PDB file of all heavy atoms in Angstrom:
ATOM      1  N   LEU A   1       8.303  -5.633  -4.119  1.00  0.00           N
ATOM      2  CA  LEU A   1       9.532  -5.923  -3.411  1.00  0.00           C
ATOM      3  C   LEU A   1      10.219  -4.647  -2.917  1.00  0.00           C
ATOM      4  O   LEU A   1      11.262  -4.699  -2.275  1.00  0.00           O
ATOM      5  CB  LEU A   1      10.511  -6.694  -4.316  1.00  0.00           C
ATOM      6  CG  LEU A   1      10.119  -8.123  -4.631  1.00  0.00           C
ATOM      7  CD1 LEU A   1      10.893  -8.640  -5.849  1.00  0.00           C
ATOM      8  CD2 LEU A   1      10.357  -9.024  -3.418  1.00  0.00           C
ATOM      9  N   GLY A   2       9.655  -3.486  -3.256  1.00  0.00           N
ATOM     10  CA  GLY A   2      10.285  -2.219  -2.890  1.00  0.00           C
ATOM     11  C   GLY A   2       9.871  -1.731  -1.531  1.00  0.00           C
ATOM     12  O   GLY A   2       8.865  -2.145  -0.961  1.00  0.00           O
ATOM     13  N   GLU A   3      10.680  -0.835  -0.959  1.00  0.00           N
ATOM     14  CA  GLU A   3      10.339  -0.216   0.304  1.00  0.00           C
ATOM     15  C   GLU A   3       9.392   0.946   0.058  1.00  0.00           C
ATOM     16  O   GLU A   3       9.573   1.697  -0.890  1.00  0.00           O
ATOM     17  CB  GLU A   3      11.612   0.318   0.984  1.00  0.00           C
ATOM     18  CG  GLU A   3      12.588  -0.779   1.424  1.00  0.00           C
ATOM     19  CD  GLU A   3      11.985  -1.730   2.432  1.00  0.00           C
ATOM     20  OE1 GLU A   3      11.183  -1.274   3.252  1.00  0.00           O
ATOM     21  OE2 GLU A   3      12.332  -2.934   2.392  1.00  0.00           O
ATOM     22  N   VAL A   4       8.356   1.033   0.856  1.00  0.00           N
ATOM     23  CA  VAL A   4       7.344   2.076   0.697  1.00  0.00           C
ATOM     24  C   VAL A   4       7.326   2.902   1.997  1.00  0.00           C
ATOM     25  O   VAL A   4       7.178   2.383   3.083  1.00  0.00           O
ATOM     26  CB  VAL A   4       5.958   1.472   0.452  1.00  0.00           C
ATOM     27  CG1 VAL A   4       4.898   2.581   0.352  1.00  0.00           C
ATOM     28  CG2 VAL A   4       5.953   0.617  -0.809  1.00  0.00           C
ATOM     29  N   SER A   5       7.477   4.210   1.824  1.00  0.00           N
ATOM     30  CA  SER A   5       7.447   5.099   2.986  1.00  0.00           C
ATOM     31  C   SER A   5       6.914   6.450   2.604  1.00  0.00           C
ATOM     32  O   SER A   5       6.901   6.819   1.435  1.00  0.00           O
ATOM     33  CB  SER A   5       8.853   5.257   3.605  1.00  0.00           C
ATOM     34  OG  SER A   5       9.719   5.879   2.675  1.00  0.00           O
ATOM     35  N   SER A   6       6.431   7.177   3.580  1.00  0.00           N
ATOM     36  CA  SER A   6       5.890   8.507   3.338  1.00  0.00           C
ATOM     37  C   SER A   6       6.402   9.421   4.426  1.00  0.00           C
ATOM     38  O   SER A   6       6.369   9.085   5.608  1.00  0.00           O
ATOM     39  CB  SER A   6       4.366   8.474   3.374  1.00  0.00           C
ATOM     40  OG  SER A   6       3.853   9.800   3.353  1.00  0.00           O
ATOM     41  N   SER A   7       6.875  10.603   4.038  1.00  0.00           N
ATOM     42  CA  SER A   7       7.344  11.573   5.037  1.00  0.00           C
ATOM     43  C   SER A   7       6.219  12.507   5.450  1.00  0.00           C
ATOM     44  O   SER A   7       6.442  13.403   6.236  1.00  0.00           O
ATOM     45  CB  SER A   7       8.512  12.382   4.430  1.00  0.00           C
ATOM     46  OG  SER A   7       8.070  13.071   3.242  1.00  0.00           O
ATOM     47  N   GLY A   8       5.010  12.281   4.901  1.00  0.00           N
ATOM     48  CA  GLY A   8       3.903  13.176   5.221  1.00  0.00           C
ATOM     49  C   GLY A   8       2.746  12.397   5.786  1.00  0.00           C
ATOM     50  O   GLY A   8       2.858  11.765   6.840  1.00  0.00           O
ATOM     51  N   ILE A   9       1.568  12.437   5.119  1.00  0.00           N
ATOM     52  CA  ILE A   9       0.395  11.726   5.581  1.00  0.00           C
ATOM     53  C   ILE A   9       0.675  10.214   5.547  1.00  0.00           C
ATOM     54  O   ILE A   9       1.068   9.683   4.507  1.00  0.00           O
ATOM     55  CB  ILE A   9      -0.801  12.061   4.675  1.00  0.00           C
ATOM     56  CG1 ILE A   9      -1.029  13.565   4.604  1.00  0.00           C
ATOM     57  CG2 ILE A   9      -2.077  11.342   5.164  1.00  0.00           C
ATOM     58  CD1 ILE A   9      -1.357  14.208   5.912  1.00  0.00           C
ATOM     59  N   THR A  10       0.481   9.514   6.626  1.00  0.00           N
ATOM     60  CA  THR A  10       0.811   8.084   6.663  1.00  0.00           C
ATOM     61  C   THR A  10      -0.405   7.188   6.898  1.00  0.00           C
ATOM     62  O   THR A  10      -0.249   5.993   7.081  1.00  0.00           O
ATOM     63  CB  THR A  10       1.835   7.827   7.788  1.00  0.00           C
ATOM     64  OG1 THR A  10       1.274   8.256   9.042  1.00  0.00           O
ATOM     65  CG2 THR A  10       3.127   8.569   7.539  1.00  0.00           C
ATOM     66  N   ASP A  11      -1.618   7.720   6.842  1.00  0.00           N
ATOM     67  CA  ASP A  11      -2.787   6.877   7.094  1.00  0.00           C
ATOM     68  C   ASP A  11      -3.208   6.113   5.850  1.00  0.00           C
ATOM     69  O   ASP A  11      -4.068   5.271   5.915  1.00  0.00           O
ATOM     70  CB  ASP A  11      -3.947   7.694   7.666  1.00  0.00           C
ATOM     71  CG  ASP A  11      -4.408   8.776   6.719  1.00  0.00           C
ATOM     72  OD1 ASP A  11      -3.610   9.182   5.854  1.00  0.00           O
ATOM     73  OD2 ASP A  11      -5.548   9.240   6.866  1.00  0.00           O
ATOM     74  N   CYS A  12      -2.622   6.429   4.703  1.00  0.00           N
ATOM     75  CA  CYS A  12      -2.980   5.746   3.454  1.00  0.00           C
ATOM     76  C   CYS A  12      -1.705   5.318   2.731  1.00  0.00           C
ATOM     77  O   CYS A  12      -1.454   5.681   1.582  1.00  0.00           O
ATOM     78  CB  CYS A  12      -3.834   6.638   2.543  1.00  0.00           C
ATOM     79  SG  CYS A  12      -5.442   7.045   3.247  1.00  0.00           S
ATOM     80  N   THR A  13      -0.885   4.534   3.420  1.00  0.00           N
ATOM     81  CA  THR A  13       0.375   4.061   2.891  1.00  0.00           C
ATOM     82  C   THR A  13       0.432   2.550   3.042  1.00  0.00           C
ATOM     83  O   THR A  13       0.274   2.035   4.149  1.00  0.00           O
ATOM     84  CB  THR A  13       1.568   4.722   3.613  1.00  0.00           C
ATOM     85  OG1 THR A  13       1.470   6.134   3.479  1.00  0.00           O
ATOM     86  CG2 THR A  13       2.889   4.253   3.020  1.00  0.00           C
ATOM     87  N   GLY A  14       0.684   1.839   1.905  1.00  0.00           N
ATOM     88  CA  GLY A  14       0.698   0.382   1.986  1.00  0.00           C
ATOM     89  C   GLY A  14       1.719  -0.182   0.987  1.00  0.00           C
ATOM     90  O   GLY A  14       1.989   0.415  -0.053  1.00  0.00           O
ATOM     91  N   GLY A  15       2.202  -1.366   1.294  1.00  0.00           N
ATOM     92  CA  GLY A  15       3.151  -2.017   0.406  1.00  0.00           C
ATOM     93  C   GLY A  15       2.550  -2.351  -0.957  1.00  0.00           C
ATOM     94  O   GLY A  15       3.275  -2.398  -1.955  1.00  0.00           O
ATOM     95  N   ILE A  16       1.218  -2.553  -1.011  1.00  0.00           N
ATOM     96  CA  ILE A  16       0.577  -2.886  -2.284  1.00  0.00           C
ATOM     97  C   ILE A  16      -0.204  -1.670  -2.809  1.00  0.00           C
ATOM     98  O   ILE A  16       0.111  -1.112  -3.845  1.00  0.00           O
ATOM     99  CB  ILE A  16      -0.381  -4.100  -2.126  1.00  0.00           C
ATOM    100  CG1 ILE A  16       0.386  -5.308  -1.581  1.00  0.00           C
ATOM    101  CG2 ILE A  16      -1.023  -4.431  -3.475  1.00  0.00           C
ATOM    102  CD1 ILE A  16      -0.525  -6.444  -1.131  1.00  0.00           C
ATOM    103  N   VAL A  17      -1.227  -1.292  -2.093  1.00  0.00           N
ATOM    104  CA  VAL A  17      -2.071  -0.121  -2.472  1.00  0.00           C
ATOM    105  C   VAL A  17      -2.173   0.801  -1.265  1.00  0.00           C
ATOM    106  O   VAL A  17      -2.393   0.345  -0.113  1.00  0.00           O
ATOM    107  CB  VAL A  17      -3.467  -0.568  -2.889  1.00  0.00           C
ATOM    108  CG1 VAL A  17      -4.292   0.625  -3.341  1.00  0.00           C
ATOM    109  CG2 VAL A  17      -3.395  -1.578  -4.048  1.00  0.00           C
ATOM    110  N   GLY A  18      -2.045   2.106  -1.516  1.00  0.00           N
ATOM    111  CA  GLY A  18      -2.180   3.063  -0.420  1.00  0.00           C
ATOM    112  C   GLY A  18      -3.605   3.187   0.080  1.00  0.00           C
ATOM    113  O   GLY A  18      -3.872   3.056   1.281  1.00  0.00           O
ATOM    114  N   TYR A  19      -4.560   3.400  -0.838  1.00  0.00           N
ATOM    115  CA  TYR A  19      -5.933   3.600  -0.439  1.00  0.00           C
ATOM    116  C   TYR A  19      -6.864   3.076  -1.520  1.00  0.00           C
ATOM    117  O   TYR A  19      -6.688   3.398  -2.704  1.00  0.00           O
ATOM    118  CB  TYR A  19      -6.195   5.098  -0.233  1.00  0.00           C
ATOM    119  CG  TYR A  19      -7.565   5.445   0.324  1.00  0.00           C
ATOM    120  CD1 TYR A  19      -8.200   4.632   1.254  1.00  0.00           C
ATOM    121  CD2 TYR A  19      -8.194   6.626  -0.062  1.00  0.00           C
ATOM    122  CE1 TYR A  19      -9.440   4.972   1.784  1.00  0.00           C
ATOM    123  CE2 TYR A  19      -9.425   6.970   0.477  1.00  0.00           C
ATOM    124  CZ  TYR A  19     -10.071   6.145   1.384  1.00  0.00           C
ATOM    125  OH  TYR A  19     -11.286   6.485   1.906  1.00  0.00           O
ATOM    126  N   ILE A  20      -7.808   2.223  -1.118  1.00  0.00           N
ATOM    127  CA  ILE A  20      -8.827   1.710  -2.038  1.00  0.00           C
ATOM    128  C   ILE A  20     -10.165   2.317  -1.698  1.00  0.00           C
ATOM    129  O   ILE A  20     -10.672   2.157  -0.584  1.00  0.00           O
ATOM    130  CB  ILE A  20      -8.908   0.171  -1.957  1.00  0.00           C
ATOM    131  CG1 ILE A  20      -7.619  -0.487  -2.426  1.00  0.00           C
ATOM    132  CG2 ILE A  20     -10.100  -0.314  -2.809  1.00  0.00           C
ATOM    133  CD1 ILE A  20      -7.622  -1.991  -2.340  1.00  0.00           C
ATOM    134  N   ILE A  21     -10.734   3.054  -2.660  1.00  0.00           N
ATOM    135  CA  ILE A  21     -12.039   3.631  -2.487  1.00  0.00           C
ATOM    136  C   ILE A  21     -13.086   2.783  -3.223  1.00  0.00           C
ATOM    137  O   ILE A  21     -14.177   2.523  -2.723  1.00  0.00           O
ATOM    138  CB  ILE A  21     -12.086   5.085  -3.006  1.00  0.00           C
ATOM    139  CG1 ILE A  21     -11.073   5.932  -2.234  1.00  0.00           C
ATOM    140  CG2 ILE A  21     -13.496   5.677  -2.887  1.00  0.00           C
ATOM    141  CD1 ILE A  21     -10.890   7.325  -2.774  1.00  0.00           C
ATOM    142  N   GLU A  22     -12.721   2.348  -4.433  1.00  0.00           N
ATOM    143  CA  GLU A  22     -13.644   1.551  -5.265  1.00  0.00           C
ATOM    144  C   GLU A  22     -12.889   0.385  -5.869  1.00  0.00           C
ATOM    145  O   GLU A  22     -11.654   0.395  -6.024  1.00  0.00           O
ATOM    146  CB  GLU A  22     -14.223   2.404  -6.391  1.00  0.00           C
ATOM    147  CG  GLU A  22     -15.115   3.542  -5.916  1.00  0.00           C
ATOM    148  CD  GLU A  22     -15.561   4.435  -7.046  1.00  0.00           C
ATOM    149  OE1 GLU A  22     -14.694   5.026  -7.703  1.00  0.00           O
ATOM    150  OE2 GLU A  22     -16.787   4.494  -7.274  1.00  0.00           O
ATOM    151  N   GLY A  23     -13.630  -0.653  -6.253  1.00  0.00           N
ATOM    152  CA  GLY A  23     -13.049  -1.779  -6.949  1.00  0.00           C
ATOM    153  C   GLY A  23     -12.501  -2.849  -6.010  1.00  0.00           C
ATOM    154  O   GLY A  23     -12.781  -2.854  -4.809  1.00  0.00           O
ATOM    155  N   LYS A  24     -11.696  -3.745  -6.547  1.00  0.00           N
ATOM    156  CA  LYS A  24     -11.235  -4.923  -5.808  1.00  0.00           C
ATOM    157  C   LYS A  24      -9.713  -5.044  -5.831  1.00  0.00           C
ATOM    158  O   LYS A  24      -9.057  -4.598  -6.757  1.00  0.00           O
ATOM    159  CB  LYS A  24     -11.839  -6.187  -6.432  1.00  0.00           C
ATOM    160  CG  LYS A  24     -13.364  -6.232  -6.400  1.00  0.00           C
ATOM    161  CD  LYS A  24     -13.875  -7.484  -7.085  1.00  0.00           C
ATOM    162  CE  LYS A  24     -15.400  -7.535  -7.084  1.00  0.00           C
ATOM    163  NZ  LYS A  24     -15.927  -8.735  -7.748  1.00  0.00           N
ATOM    164  N   ALA A  25      -9.190  -5.670  -4.799  1.00  0.00           N
ATOM    165  CA  ALA A  25      -7.776  -6.049  -4.724  1.00  0.00           C
ATOM    166  C   ALA A  25      -7.723  -7.566  -4.499  1.00  0.00           C
ATOM    167  O   ALA A  25      -8.293  -8.063  -3.521  1.00  0.00           O
ATOM    168  CB  ALA A  25      -7.102  -5.315  -3.585  1.00  0.00           C
ATOM    169  N   ILE A  26      -7.055  -8.283  -5.407  1.00  0.00           N
ATOM    170  CA  ILE A  26      -7.119  -9.740  -5.378  1.00  0.00           C
ATOM    171  C   ILE A  26      -5.721 -10.350  -5.588  1.00  0.00           C
ATOM    172  O   ILE A  26      -5.007  -9.975  -6.542  1.00  0.00           O
ATOM    173  CB  ILE A  26      -8.049 -10.260  -6.510  1.00  0.00           C
ATOM    174  CG1 ILE A  26      -9.465  -9.686  -6.373  1.00  0.00           C
ATOM    175  CG2 ILE A  26      -8.100 -11.781  -6.531  1.00  0.00           C
ATOM    176  CD1 ILE A  26     -10.344  -9.904  -7.578  1.00  0.00           C
ATOM    177  N   ALA A  27      -5.355 -11.278  -4.727  1.00  0.00           N
ATOM    178  CA  ALA A  27      -4.129 -12.064  -4.890  1.00  0.00           C
ATOM    179  C   ALA A  27      -2.888 -11.196  -5.071  1.00  0.00           C
ATOM    180  O   ALA A  27      -2.099 -11.391  -5.976  1.00  0.00           O
ATOM    181  CB  ALA A  27      -4.276 -13.040  -6.064  1.00  0.00           C
ATOM    182  N   LEU A  28      -2.719 -10.245  -4.174  1.00  0.00           N
ATOM    183  CA  LEU A  28      -1.584  -9.325  -4.173  1.00  0.00           C
ATOM    184  C   LEU A  28      -0.678  -9.639  -2.981  1.00  0.00           C
ATOM    185  O   LEU A  28      -1.147 -10.061  -1.937  1.00  0.00           O
ATOM    186  CB  LEU A  28      -2.042  -7.887  -4.112  1.00  0.00           C
ATOM    187  CG  LEU A  28      -3.142  -7.459  -5.079  1.00  0.00           C
ATOM    188  CD1 LEU A  28      -3.648  -6.056  -4.754  1.00  0.00           C
ATOM    189  CD2 LEU A  28      -2.648  -7.508  -6.525  1.00  0.00           C
ATOM    190  N   TRP A  29       0.609  -9.330  -3.093  1.00  0.00           N
ATOM    191  CA  TRP A  29       1.496  -9.506  -1.960  1.00  0.00           C
ATOM    192  C   TRP A  29       2.604  -8.452  -1.964  1.00  0.00           C
ATOM    193  O   TRP A  29       2.947  -7.887  -2.995  1.00  0.00           O
ATOM    194  CB  TRP A  29       2.110 -10.913  -1.897  1.00  0.00           C
ATOM    195  CG  TRP A  29       3.065 -11.214  -3.024  1.00  0.00           C
ATOM    196  CD1 TRP A  29       2.788 -11.789  -4.233  1.00  0.00           C
ATOM    197  CD2 TRP A  29       4.476 -10.930  -3.046  1.00  0.00           C
ATOM    198  NE1 TRP A  29       3.904 -11.883  -4.992  1.00  0.00           N
ATOM    199  CE2 TRP A  29       4.986 -11.369  -4.296  1.00  0.00           C
ATOM    200  CE3 TRP A  29       5.376 -10.370  -2.128  1.00  0.00           C
ATOM    201  CZ2 TRP A  29       6.324 -11.245  -4.647  1.00  0.00           C
ATOM    202  CZ3 TRP A  29       6.710 -10.252  -2.490  1.00  0.00           C
ATOM    203  CH2 TRP A  29       7.167 -10.691  -3.721  1.00  0.00           C
ATOM    204  N   THR A  30       3.131  -8.213  -0.792  1.00  0.00           N
ATOM    205  CA  THR A  30       4.257  -7.313  -0.620  1.00  0.00           C
ATOM    206  C   THR A  30       5.184  -7.878   0.428  1.00  0.00           C
ATOM    207  O   THR A  30       4.738  -8.530   1.381  1.00  0.00           O
ATOM    208  CB  THR A  30       3.812  -5.898  -0.210  1.00  0.00           C
ATOM    209  OG1 THR A  30       4.979  -5.068  -0.064  1.00  0.00           O
ATOM    210  CG2 THR A  30       3.044  -5.894   1.083  1.00  0.00           C
ATOM    211  N   LYS A  31       6.480  -7.677   0.231  1.00  0.00           N
ATOM    212  CA  LYS A  31       7.373  -7.973   1.362  1.00  0.00           C
ATOM    213  C   LYS A  31       7.101  -6.898   2.433  1.00  0.00           C
ATOM    214  O   LYS A  31       6.547  -5.846   2.140  1.00  0.00           O
ATOM    215  CB  LYS A  31       8.823  -7.962   0.933  1.00  0.00           C
ATOM    216  CG  LYS A  31       9.436  -6.584   0.709  1.00  0.00           C
ATOM    217  CD  LYS A  31      10.942  -6.711   0.510  1.00  0.00           C
ATOM    218  CE  LYS A  31      11.597  -5.336   0.569  1.00  0.00           C
ATOM    219  NZ  LYS A  31      13.063  -5.406   0.450  1.00  0.00           N
ATOM    220  N   ALA A  32       7.462  -7.183   3.681  1.00  0.00           N
ATOM    221  CA  ALA A  32       7.109  -6.290   4.774  1.00  0.00           C
ATOM    222  C   ALA A  32       7.590  -4.880   4.492  1.00  0.00           C
ATOM    223  O   ALA A  32       8.758  -4.642   4.162  1.00  0.00           O
ATOM    224  CB  ALA A  32       7.710  -6.817   6.064  1.00  0.00           C
ATOM    225  N   THR A  33       6.694  -3.938   4.617  1.00  0.00           N
ATOM    226  CA  THR A  33       7.026  -2.517   4.413  1.00  0.00           C
ATOM    227  C   THR A  33       5.938  -1.732   5.171  1.00  0.00           C
ATOM    228  O   THR A  33       5.100  -2.319   5.836  1.00  0.00           O
ATOM    229  CB  THR A  33       7.059  -2.179   2.913  1.00  0.00           C
ATOM    230  OG1 THR A  33       7.527  -0.831   2.749  1.00  0.00           O
ATOM    231  CG2 THR A  33       5.715  -2.337   2.244  1.00  0.00           C
TER     232      THR A  33
END
């Protein structure tokens, strides 16, 4: 539910996870950010 922002590198910024290299992301949600 929080606001997510970056003042620097922005190619790996997300409301849930910034960057996934390995593993899984399942049944996650974020309000718009």
